[in-house]
Amino acid sequence: MSAAALAPVPRVMLTHGFAEPTIEVRDLDALERFYTDLFELKVLAREDDRVWLAAGERARLGLWLPGEKEFGDEGGRHVHYAFSAPPGGVDQLVARLQDAGHDFRGPVEHDGGDRSLYVEDPEGNIVEVWDFFERGEGRRVGADALASDDVAPPDASS
């Protein structure tokens, strides 16, 4: 095979997903209890101004008090985030929330058969728990199933 006839190199993602989103909190203890008691996240580390929680096998969630951290980071107020639920996870969380008397909305079933559950944490952040990657198209295709029609697919030859 000549150099001019090399097979195209497939495109690869340079990341595997989120490793550590953080949210800014006012009450570390209350938020730690919320995420460990209801979501069963495991505490990885506690520092004076932050708590790190395991959020799946390859990610952690940071709960940060306001103020500058290393490298100029300051956390940030929550916009939106969703946990990916394992098989049966949405239903298990519904039962836990009901047992705890904690309000929630859902499960909301989406067009593809996947479901979301919405719960407010003690500081007003709306947290979604979504089983998209366990049901329907998300299970078969992964994140590409979320691409909109107006985004051109990558050129396989580049």
N, C-alpha and C. Protein backbone atom coordinates (compact mmCIF):
# COMPACT_ATOMS: atom_id res chain seq x y z
N MET A 1 0.86 -1.17 0.00
CA MET A 1 0.00 0.00 0.00
C MET A 1 0.90 1.23 0.00
N SER A 2 0.67 2.13 -0.92
CA SER A 2 1.47 3.34 -1.00
C SER A 2 1.05 4.33 0.08
N ALA A 3 1.91 5.31 0.34
CA ALA A 3 1.61 6.33 1.34
C ALA A 3 0.35 7.10 0.96
N ALA A 4 0.12 7.27 -0.32
CA ALA A 4 -1.06 8.01 -0.77
C ALA A 4 -2.34 7.21 -0.56
N ALA A 5 -2.22 5.91 -0.40
CA ALA A 5 -3.41 5.07 -0.28
C ALA A 5 -3.62 4.55 1.14
N LEU A 6 -3.09 5.25 2.12
CA LEU A 6 -3.26 4.82 3.50
C LEU A 6 -4.73 4.80 3.89
N ALA A 7 -5.11 3.82 4.68
CA ALA A 7 -6.48 3.74 5.15
C ALA A 7 -6.76 4.91 6.08
N PRO A 8 -8.00 5.46 6.06
CA PRO A 8 -8.31 6.57 6.94
C PRO A 8 -8.20 6.15 8.42
N VAL A 9 -7.75 7.08 9.22
CA VAL A 9 -7.64 6.85 10.66
C VAL A 9 -8.98 7.22 11.29
N PRO A 10 -9.58 6.29 12.04
CA PRO A 10 -10.87 6.66 12.65
C PRO A 10 -10.70 7.75 13.69
N ARG A 11 -11.72 8.60 13.80
CA ARG A 11 -11.70 9.67 14.81
C ARG A 11 -11.90 9.05 16.19
N VAL A 12 -11.20 9.58 17.14
CA VAL A 12 -11.36 9.11 18.52
C VAL A 12 -11.63 10.31 19.41
N MET A 13 -12.33 10.08 20.49
CA MET A 13 -12.52 11.13 21.48
C MET A 13 -11.27 11.20 22.33
N LEU A 14 -10.90 12.37 22.71
CA LEU A 14 -9.71 12.55 23.54
C LEU A 14 -10.06 12.53 25.02
N THR A 15 -11.34 12.32 25.34
CA THR A 15 -11.75 12.20 26.74
C THR A 15 -12.66 10.99 26.88
N HIS A 16 -12.81 10.52 28.11
CA HIS A 16 -13.69 9.39 28.41
C HIS A 16 -14.94 9.82 29.15
N GLY A 17 -15.16 11.10 29.31
CA GLY A 17 -16.31 11.59 30.06
C GLY A 17 -15.85 12.50 31.17
N PHE A 18 -16.76 12.88 32.02
CA PHE A 18 -16.41 13.78 33.10
C PHE A 18 -15.69 13.03 34.20
N ALA A 19 -14.68 13.67 34.75
CA ALA A 19 -13.93 13.10 35.86
C ALA A 19 -14.32 13.76 37.17
N GLU A 20 -14.58 15.09 37.13
CA GLU A 20 -14.88 15.75 38.39
C GLU A 20 -15.62 17.07 38.21
N PRO A 21 -16.93 17.01 38.06
CA PRO A 21 -17.68 18.25 38.17
C PRO A 21 -17.73 18.68 39.63
N THR A 22 -17.84 19.99 39.86
CA THR A 22 -17.95 20.51 41.23
C THR A 22 -19.14 21.46 41.29
N ILE A 23 -19.74 21.54 42.47
CA ILE A 23 -20.77 22.53 42.70
C ILE A 23 -20.41 23.32 43.94
N GLU A 24 -20.77 24.57 43.92
CA GLU A 24 -20.53 25.44 45.07
C GLU A 24 -21.66 25.25 46.08
N VAL A 25 -21.30 25.08 47.34
CA VAL A 25 -22.30 24.82 48.39
C VAL A 25 -22.07 25.77 49.56
N ARG A 26 -23.09 25.96 50.36
CA ARG A 26 -22.96 26.77 51.57
C ARG A 26 -22.77 25.91 52.81
N ASP A 27 -23.33 24.69 52.78
CA ASP A 27 -23.30 23.81 53.95
C ASP A 27 -22.74 22.45 53.55
N LEU A 28 -21.43 22.28 53.73
CA LEU A 28 -20.77 21.03 53.34
C LEU A 28 -21.41 19.81 54.01
N ASP A 29 -21.67 19.91 55.32
CA ASP A 29 -22.20 18.76 56.05
C ASP A 29 -23.57 18.33 55.51
N ALA A 30 -24.45 19.29 55.28
CA ALA A 30 -25.80 18.97 54.80
C ALA A 30 -25.75 18.33 53.41
N LEU A 31 -24.93 18.89 52.53
CA LEU A 31 -24.84 18.35 51.17
C LEU A 31 -24.16 16.99 51.18
N GLU A 32 -23.14 16.80 52.00
CA GLU A 32 -22.50 15.49 52.10
C GLU A 32 -23.53 14.44 52.55
N ARG A 33 -24.30 14.76 53.58
CA ARG A 33 -25.32 13.82 54.07
C ARG A 33 -26.34 13.50 52.98
N PHE A 34 -26.78 14.52 52.27
CA PHE A 34 -27.77 14.32 51.20
C PHE A 34 -27.25 13.32 50.17
N TYR A 35 -26.07 13.56 49.64
CA TYR A 35 -25.54 12.71 48.57
C TYR A 35 -25.09 11.34 49.06
N THR A 36 -24.64 11.23 50.30
CA THR A 36 -24.25 9.91 50.81
C THR A 36 -25.46 9.12 51.28
N ASP A 37 -26.42 9.76 51.94
CA ASP A 37 -27.58 9.04 52.46
C ASP A 37 -28.55 8.63 51.37
N LEU A 38 -28.88 9.54 50.46
CA LEU A 38 -29.89 9.23 49.45
C LEU A 38 -29.31 8.61 48.18
N PHE A 39 -28.18 9.10 47.71
CA PHE A 39 -27.60 8.60 46.47
C PHE A 39 -26.54 7.52 46.72
N GLU A 40 -26.21 7.31 47.98
CA GLU A 40 -25.20 6.33 48.39
C GLU A 40 -23.83 6.58 47.76
N LEU A 41 -23.50 7.87 47.53
CA LEU A 41 -22.16 8.19 47.06
C LEU A 41 -21.19 8.02 48.21
N LYS A 42 -20.02 7.54 47.91
CA LYS A 42 -19.00 7.27 48.92
C LYS A 42 -18.08 8.49 49.07
N VAL A 43 -17.78 8.85 50.31
CA VAL A 43 -16.85 9.95 50.56
C VAL A 43 -15.44 9.47 50.23
N LEU A 44 -14.78 10.22 49.36
CA LEU A 44 -13.40 9.91 49.00
C LEU A 44 -12.41 10.73 49.84
N ALA A 45 -12.77 11.99 50.10
CA ALA A 45 -11.87 12.86 50.86
C ALA A 45 -12.65 14.04 51.41
N ARG A 46 -12.18 14.53 52.55
CA ARG A 46 -12.71 15.76 53.15
C ARG A 46 -11.55 16.71 53.36
N GLU A 47 -11.76 17.95 52.98
CA GLU A 47 -10.78 19.01 53.22
C GLU A 47 -11.53 20.14 53.92
N ASP A 48 -10.80 21.15 54.36
CA ASP A 48 -11.45 22.26 55.07
C ASP A 48 -12.57 22.91 54.28
N ASP A 49 -12.37 23.04 52.97
CA ASP A 49 -13.33 23.80 52.16
C ASP A 49 -14.02 22.97 51.08
N ARG A 50 -13.88 21.63 51.14
CA ARG A 50 -14.50 20.80 50.11
C ARG A 50 -14.60 19.34 50.53
N VAL A 51 -15.50 18.65 49.88
CA VAL A 51 -15.68 17.20 50.06
C VAL A 51 -15.72 16.59 48.67
N TRP A 52 -15.05 15.45 48.53
CA TRP A 52 -15.05 14.72 47.26
C TRP A 52 -15.83 13.43 47.44
N LEU A 53 -16.77 13.17 46.51
CA LEU A 53 -17.62 11.98 46.55
C LEU A 53 -17.45 11.15 45.29
N ALA A 54 -17.34 9.83 45.43
CA ALA A 54 -17.29 8.96 44.26
C ALA A 54 -18.64 9.02 43.56
N ALA A 55 -18.62 9.25 42.27
CA ALA A 55 -19.84 9.34 41.47
C ALA A 55 -19.72 8.40 40.28
N GLY A 56 -19.69 7.12 40.56
CA GLY A 56 -19.45 6.12 39.53
C GLY A 56 -18.03 5.61 39.65
N GLU A 57 -17.67 4.73 38.75
CA GLU A 57 -16.35 4.09 38.81
C GLU A 57 -15.21 5.02 38.41
N ARG A 58 -15.50 6.04 37.60
CA ARG A 58 -14.42 6.86 37.07
C ARG A 58 -14.68 8.34 37.20
N ALA A 59 -15.46 8.73 38.20
CA ALA A 59 -15.75 10.15 38.37
C ALA A 59 -15.97 10.46 39.84
N ARG A 60 -15.77 11.74 40.16
CA ARG A 60 -16.07 12.20 41.50
C ARG A 60 -16.80 13.52 41.41
N LEU A 61 -17.62 13.79 42.43
CA LEU A 61 -18.36 15.04 42.52
C LEU A 61 -17.73 15.84 43.64
N GLY A 62 -17.39 17.09 43.35
CA GLY A 62 -16.82 17.96 44.36
C GLY A 62 -17.88 18.89 44.93
N LEU A 63 -17.96 18.96 46.25
CA LEU A 63 -18.81 19.92 46.94
C LEU A 63 -17.86 20.96 47.52
N TRP A 64 -17.90 22.17 47.03
CA TRP A 64 -16.91 23.19 47.40
C TRP A 64 -17.59 24.38 48.06
N LEU A 65 -17.02 24.82 49.17
CA LEU A 65 -17.43 26.09 49.75
C LEU A 65 -16.97 27.21 48.83
N PRO A 66 -17.64 28.36 48.82
CA PRO A 66 -17.22 29.47 47.96
C PRO A 66 -15.79 29.90 48.28
N GLY A 67 -15.12 30.43 47.28
CA GLY A 67 -13.77 30.96 47.47
C GLY A 67 -12.78 30.34 46.51
N GLU A 68 -11.69 31.02 46.32
CA GLU A 68 -10.66 30.59 45.38
C GLU A 68 -9.96 29.34 45.88
N LYS A 69 -9.72 28.43 44.95
CA LYS A 69 -8.98 27.20 45.20
C LYS A 69 -7.67 27.28 44.40
N GLU A 70 -6.95 26.18 44.35
CA GLU A 70 -5.72 26.17 43.56
C GLU A 70 -6.03 26.37 42.08
N PHE A 71 -5.08 26.85 41.36
CA PHE A 71 -5.16 27.09 39.93
C PHE A 71 -6.24 28.10 39.55
N GLY A 72 -6.70 28.92 40.51
CA GLY A 72 -7.71 29.93 40.23
C GLY A 72 -9.13 29.41 40.17
N ASP A 73 -9.32 28.12 40.43
CA ASP A 73 -10.68 27.56 40.44
C ASP A 73 -11.49 28.15 41.57
N GLU A 74 -12.80 28.26 41.34
CA GLU A 74 -13.70 28.72 42.39
C GLU A 74 -14.97 27.90 42.45
N GLY A 75 -14.96 26.70 41.89
CA GLY A 75 -16.21 25.94 41.87
C GLY A 75 -17.19 26.66 40.97
N GLY A 76 -18.39 26.80 41.38
CA GLY A 76 -19.38 27.54 40.60
C GLY A 76 -20.76 27.09 40.96
N ARG A 77 -21.69 28.00 40.83
CA ARG A 77 -23.08 27.64 41.10
C ARG A 77 -23.54 26.63 40.07
N HIS A 78 -24.42 25.80 40.48
CA HIS A 78 -24.94 24.72 39.66
C HIS A 78 -25.77 25.25 38.49
N VAL A 79 -25.62 24.66 37.35
CA VAL A 79 -26.48 24.95 36.21
C VAL A 79 -27.38 23.74 35.99
N HIS A 80 -26.82 22.62 35.66
CA HIS A 80 -27.57 21.36 35.53
C HIS A 80 -26.56 20.22 35.45
N TYR A 81 -26.89 19.13 36.07
CA TYR A 81 -26.13 17.91 35.84
C TYR A 81 -27.03 16.72 36.11
N ALA A 82 -26.66 15.59 35.51
CA ALA A 82 -27.44 14.37 35.67
C ALA A 82 -26.49 13.23 35.97
N PHE A 83 -26.89 12.41 36.93
CA PHE A 83 -26.18 11.16 37.18
C PHE A 83 -26.73 10.13 36.20
N SER A 84 -25.86 9.26 35.71
CA SER A 84 -26.29 8.14 34.89
C SER A 84 -26.67 7.00 35.82
N ALA A 85 -27.87 6.48 35.65
CA ALA A 85 -28.38 5.43 36.54
C ALA A 85 -28.07 4.05 35.97
N PRO A 86 -27.67 3.12 36.83
CA PRO A 86 -27.49 1.73 36.39
C PRO A 86 -28.84 1.06 36.22
N PRO A 87 -28.88 -0.16 35.70
CA PRO A 87 -30.17 -0.86 35.58
C PRO A 87 -30.89 -0.91 36.93
N GLY A 88 -32.14 -0.48 36.95
CA GLY A 88 -32.94 -0.49 38.17
C GLY A 88 -32.65 0.67 39.12
N GLY A 89 -31.66 1.50 38.80
CA GLY A 89 -31.25 2.57 39.70
C GLY A 89 -32.31 3.63 39.94
N VAL A 90 -33.05 3.99 38.90
CA VAL A 90 -34.10 5.01 39.07
C VAL A 90 -35.15 4.51 40.05
N ASP A 91 -35.57 3.26 39.89
CA ASP A 91 -36.60 2.71 40.78
C ASP A 91 -36.09 2.58 42.21
N GLN A 92 -34.84 2.18 42.38
CA GLN A 92 -34.27 2.08 43.73
C GLN A 92 -34.21 3.46 44.39
N LEU A 93 -33.84 4.47 43.61
CA LEU A 93 -33.77 5.82 44.18
C LEU A 93 -35.16 6.34 44.54
N VAL A 94 -36.16 6.03 43.73
CA VAL A 94 -37.54 6.42 44.07
C VAL A 94 -37.90 5.85 45.44
N ALA A 95 -37.61 4.58 45.66
CA ALA A 95 -37.94 3.95 46.94
C ALA A 95 -37.19 4.62 48.09
N ARG A 96 -35.92 4.93 47.91
CA ARG A 96 -35.13 5.59 48.96
C ARG A 96 -35.70 6.97 49.28
N LEU A 97 -36.04 7.72 48.24
CA LEU A 97 -36.59 9.07 48.45
C LEU A 97 -37.93 9.00 49.15
N GLN A 98 -38.77 8.05 48.76
CA GLN A 98 -40.06 7.89 49.42
C GLN A 98 -39.88 7.53 50.89
N ASP A 99 -38.98 6.59 51.17
CA ASP A 99 -38.71 6.19 52.56
C ASP A 99 -38.22 7.36 53.40
N ALA A 100 -37.43 8.25 52.77
CA ALA A 100 -36.88 9.40 53.48
C ALA A 100 -37.87 10.57 53.54
N GLY A 101 -38.99 10.46 52.83
CA GLY A 101 -39.96 11.56 52.80
C GLY A 101 -39.45 12.76 52.01
N HIS A 102 -38.56 12.53 51.05
CA HIS A 102 -37.97 13.60 50.26
C HIS A 102 -38.74 13.75 48.95
N ASP A 103 -39.12 14.97 48.60
CA ASP A 103 -39.86 15.23 47.38
C ASP A 103 -39.00 14.97 46.14
N PHE A 104 -39.65 14.56 45.08
CA PHE A 104 -39.00 14.36 43.79
C PHE A 104 -40.06 14.42 42.70
N ARG A 105 -39.61 14.51 41.46
CA ARG A 105 -40.52 14.50 40.32
C ARG A 105 -40.12 13.35 39.40
N GLY A 106 -41.08 12.55 39.01
CA GLY A 106 -40.81 11.46 38.10
C GLY A 106 -41.07 10.11 38.74
N PRO A 107 -40.61 9.08 38.11
CA PRO A 107 -39.83 9.08 36.87
C PRO A 107 -40.64 9.61 35.69
N VAL A 108 -39.98 10.43 34.89
CA VAL A 108 -40.54 10.97 33.66
C VAL A 108 -40.03 10.09 32.53
N GLU A 109 -40.96 9.51 31.75
CA GLU A 109 -40.54 8.67 30.64
C GLU A 109 -40.38 9.52 29.38
N HIS A 110 -39.25 9.35 28.71
CA HIS A 110 -38.96 10.09 27.49
C HIS A 110 -39.35 9.26 26.27
N ASP A 111 -39.34 9.87 25.10
CA ASP A 111 -39.80 9.21 23.86
C ASP A 111 -39.09 7.88 23.59
N GLY A 112 -37.82 7.78 23.89
CA GLY A 112 -37.08 6.55 23.59
C GLY A 112 -37.24 5.45 24.64
N GLY A 113 -38.04 5.70 25.68
CA GLY A 113 -38.24 4.71 26.72
C GLY A 113 -37.33 4.89 27.92
N ASP A 114 -36.37 5.78 27.82
CA ASP A 114 -35.51 6.07 28.98
C ASP A 114 -36.28 6.96 29.95
N ARG A 115 -35.81 7.02 31.19
CA ARG A 115 -36.52 7.75 32.22
C ARG A 115 -35.58 8.64 33.02
N SER A 116 -36.16 9.72 33.53
CA SER A 116 -35.42 10.65 34.39
C SER A 116 -36.20 10.86 35.68
N LEU A 117 -35.44 11.05 36.73
CA LEU A 117 -35.98 11.39 38.04
C LEU A 117 -35.32 12.70 38.43
N TYR A 118 -36.09 13.63 38.99
CA TYR A 118 -35.56 14.94 39.37
C TYR A 118 -35.76 15.14 40.86
N VAL A 119 -34.68 15.53 41.54
CA VAL A 119 -34.73 15.73 42.98
C VAL A 119 -33.95 16.99 43.33
N GLU A 120 -34.44 17.73 44.28
CA GLU A 120 -33.78 18.96 44.71
C GLU A 120 -32.92 18.66 45.92
N ASP A 121 -31.65 19.10 45.86
CA ASP A 121 -30.79 18.92 47.02
C ASP A 121 -31.07 20.03 48.04
N PRO A 122 -30.49 19.95 49.23
CA PRO A 122 -30.81 20.92 50.29
C PRO A 122 -30.51 22.38 49.94
N GLU A 123 -29.72 22.63 48.91
CA GLU A 123 -29.42 24.02 48.54
C GLU A 123 -30.15 24.45 47.28
N GLY A 124 -31.10 23.64 46.81
CA GLY A 124 -31.93 24.04 45.69
C GLY A 124 -31.44 23.60 44.33
N ASN A 125 -30.33 22.86 44.26
CA ASN A 125 -29.87 22.34 42.98
C ASN A 125 -30.79 21.21 42.54
N ILE A 126 -31.26 21.27 41.30
CA ILE A 126 -32.07 20.19 40.77
C ILE A 126 -31.12 19.17 40.15
N VAL A 127 -31.18 17.96 40.67
CA VAL A 127 -30.31 16.88 40.23
C VAL A 127 -31.16 15.89 39.46
N GLU A 128 -30.71 15.54 38.27
CA GLU A 128 -31.40 14.54 37.45
C GLU A 128 -30.68 13.20 37.61
N VAL A 129 -31.44 12.14 37.62
CA VAL A 129 -30.91 10.79 37.56
C VAL A 129 -31.56 10.16 36.33
N TRP A 130 -30.73 9.74 35.36
CA TRP A 130 -31.21 9.40 34.03
C TRP A 130 -30.71 8.02 33.65
N ASP A 131 -31.60 7.15 33.18
CA ASP A 131 -31.19 5.80 32.78
C ASP A 131 -31.04 5.66 31.26
N PHE A 132 -30.74 6.74 30.58
CA PHE A 132 -30.62 6.77 29.12
C PHE A 132 -29.65 5.71 28.59
N PHE A 133 -28.53 5.52 29.24
CA PHE A 133 -27.52 4.59 28.72
C PHE A 133 -27.82 3.14 29.08
N GLU A 134 -28.96 2.90 29.70
CA GLU A 134 -29.38 1.55 30.06
C GLU A 134 -30.63 1.10 29.32
N ARG A 135 -31.26 2.02 28.58
CA ARG A 135 -32.51 1.70 27.90
C ARG A 135 -32.48 2.19 26.45
N GLY A 136 -33.16 1.51 25.60
CA GLY A 136 -33.40 1.98 24.24
C GLY A 136 -32.15 2.39 23.48
N GLU A 137 -32.29 3.48 22.75
CA GLU A 137 -31.24 3.93 21.84
C GLU A 137 -29.94 4.28 22.56
N GLY A 138 -30.03 4.85 23.74
CA GLY A 138 -28.82 5.18 24.48
C GLY A 138 -27.99 3.95 24.81
N ARG A 139 -28.67 2.85 25.09
CA ARG A 139 -27.96 1.60 25.38
C ARG A 139 -27.28 1.06 24.13
N ARG A 140 -27.96 1.18 22.99
CA ARG A 140 -27.43 0.65 21.74
C ARG A 140 -26.34 1.53 21.14
N VAL A 141 -26.53 2.85 21.19
CA VAL A 141 -25.69 3.77 20.44
C VAL A 141 -24.77 4.60 21.33
N GLY A 142 -25.13 4.79 22.58
CA GLY A 142 -24.34 5.64 23.47
C GLY A 142 -24.66 7.11 23.23
N ALA A 143 -23.70 7.99 23.49
CA ALA A 143 -23.92 9.43 23.42
C ALA A 143 -24.28 9.91 22.02
N ASP A 144 -23.88 9.19 20.97
CA ASP A 144 -24.24 9.59 19.62
C ASP A 144 -25.75 9.62 19.42
N ALA A 145 -26.49 8.87 20.21
CA ALA A 145 -27.95 8.89 20.11
C ALA A 145 -28.52 10.25 20.49
N LEU A 146 -27.75 11.08 21.16
CA LEU A 146 -28.21 12.40 21.60
C LEU A 146 -27.89 13.50 20.59
N ALA A 147 -27.20 13.16 19.51
CA ALA A 147 -26.81 14.17 18.51
C ALA A 147 -28.06 14.67 17.79
N SER A 148 -28.09 15.99 17.55
CA SER A 148 -29.23 16.56 16.81
C SER A 148 -29.00 16.45 15.32
N ASP A 149 -30.08 16.56 14.57
CA ASP A 149 -30.01 16.43 13.12
C ASP A 149 -29.21 17.52 12.45
N ASP A 150 -29.05 18.67 13.11
CA ASP A 150 -28.36 19.79 12.47
C ASP A 150 -26.84 19.74 12.67
N VAL A 151 -26.34 18.67 13.28
CA VAL A 151 -24.89 18.52 13.46
C VAL A 151 -24.42 17.48 12.44
N ALA A 152 -23.51 17.89 11.58
CA ALA A 152 -23.00 16.99 10.56
C ALA A 152 -22.15 15.91 11.20
N PRO A 153 -22.28 14.66 10.73
CA PRO A 153 -21.41 13.61 11.26
C PRO A 153 -19.98 13.89 10.87
N PRO A 154 -19.00 13.42 11.66
CA PRO A 154 -17.60 13.67 11.33
C PRO A 154 -17.23 13.01 10.01
N ASP A 155 -16.33 13.61 9.30
CA ASP A 155 -15.82 13.07 8.04
C ASP A 155 -14.91 11.89 8.37
N ALA A 156 -15.31 10.69 7.97
CA ALA A 156 -14.56 9.48 8.29
C ALA A 156 -13.20 9.45 7.64
N SER A 157 -13.00 10.27 6.61
CA SER A 157 -11.72 10.23 5.91
C SER A 157 -10.67 11.16 6.52
N SER A 158 -11.07 11.97 7.50
CA SER A 158 -10.09 12.90 8.06
C SER A 158 -9.40 12.32 9.27
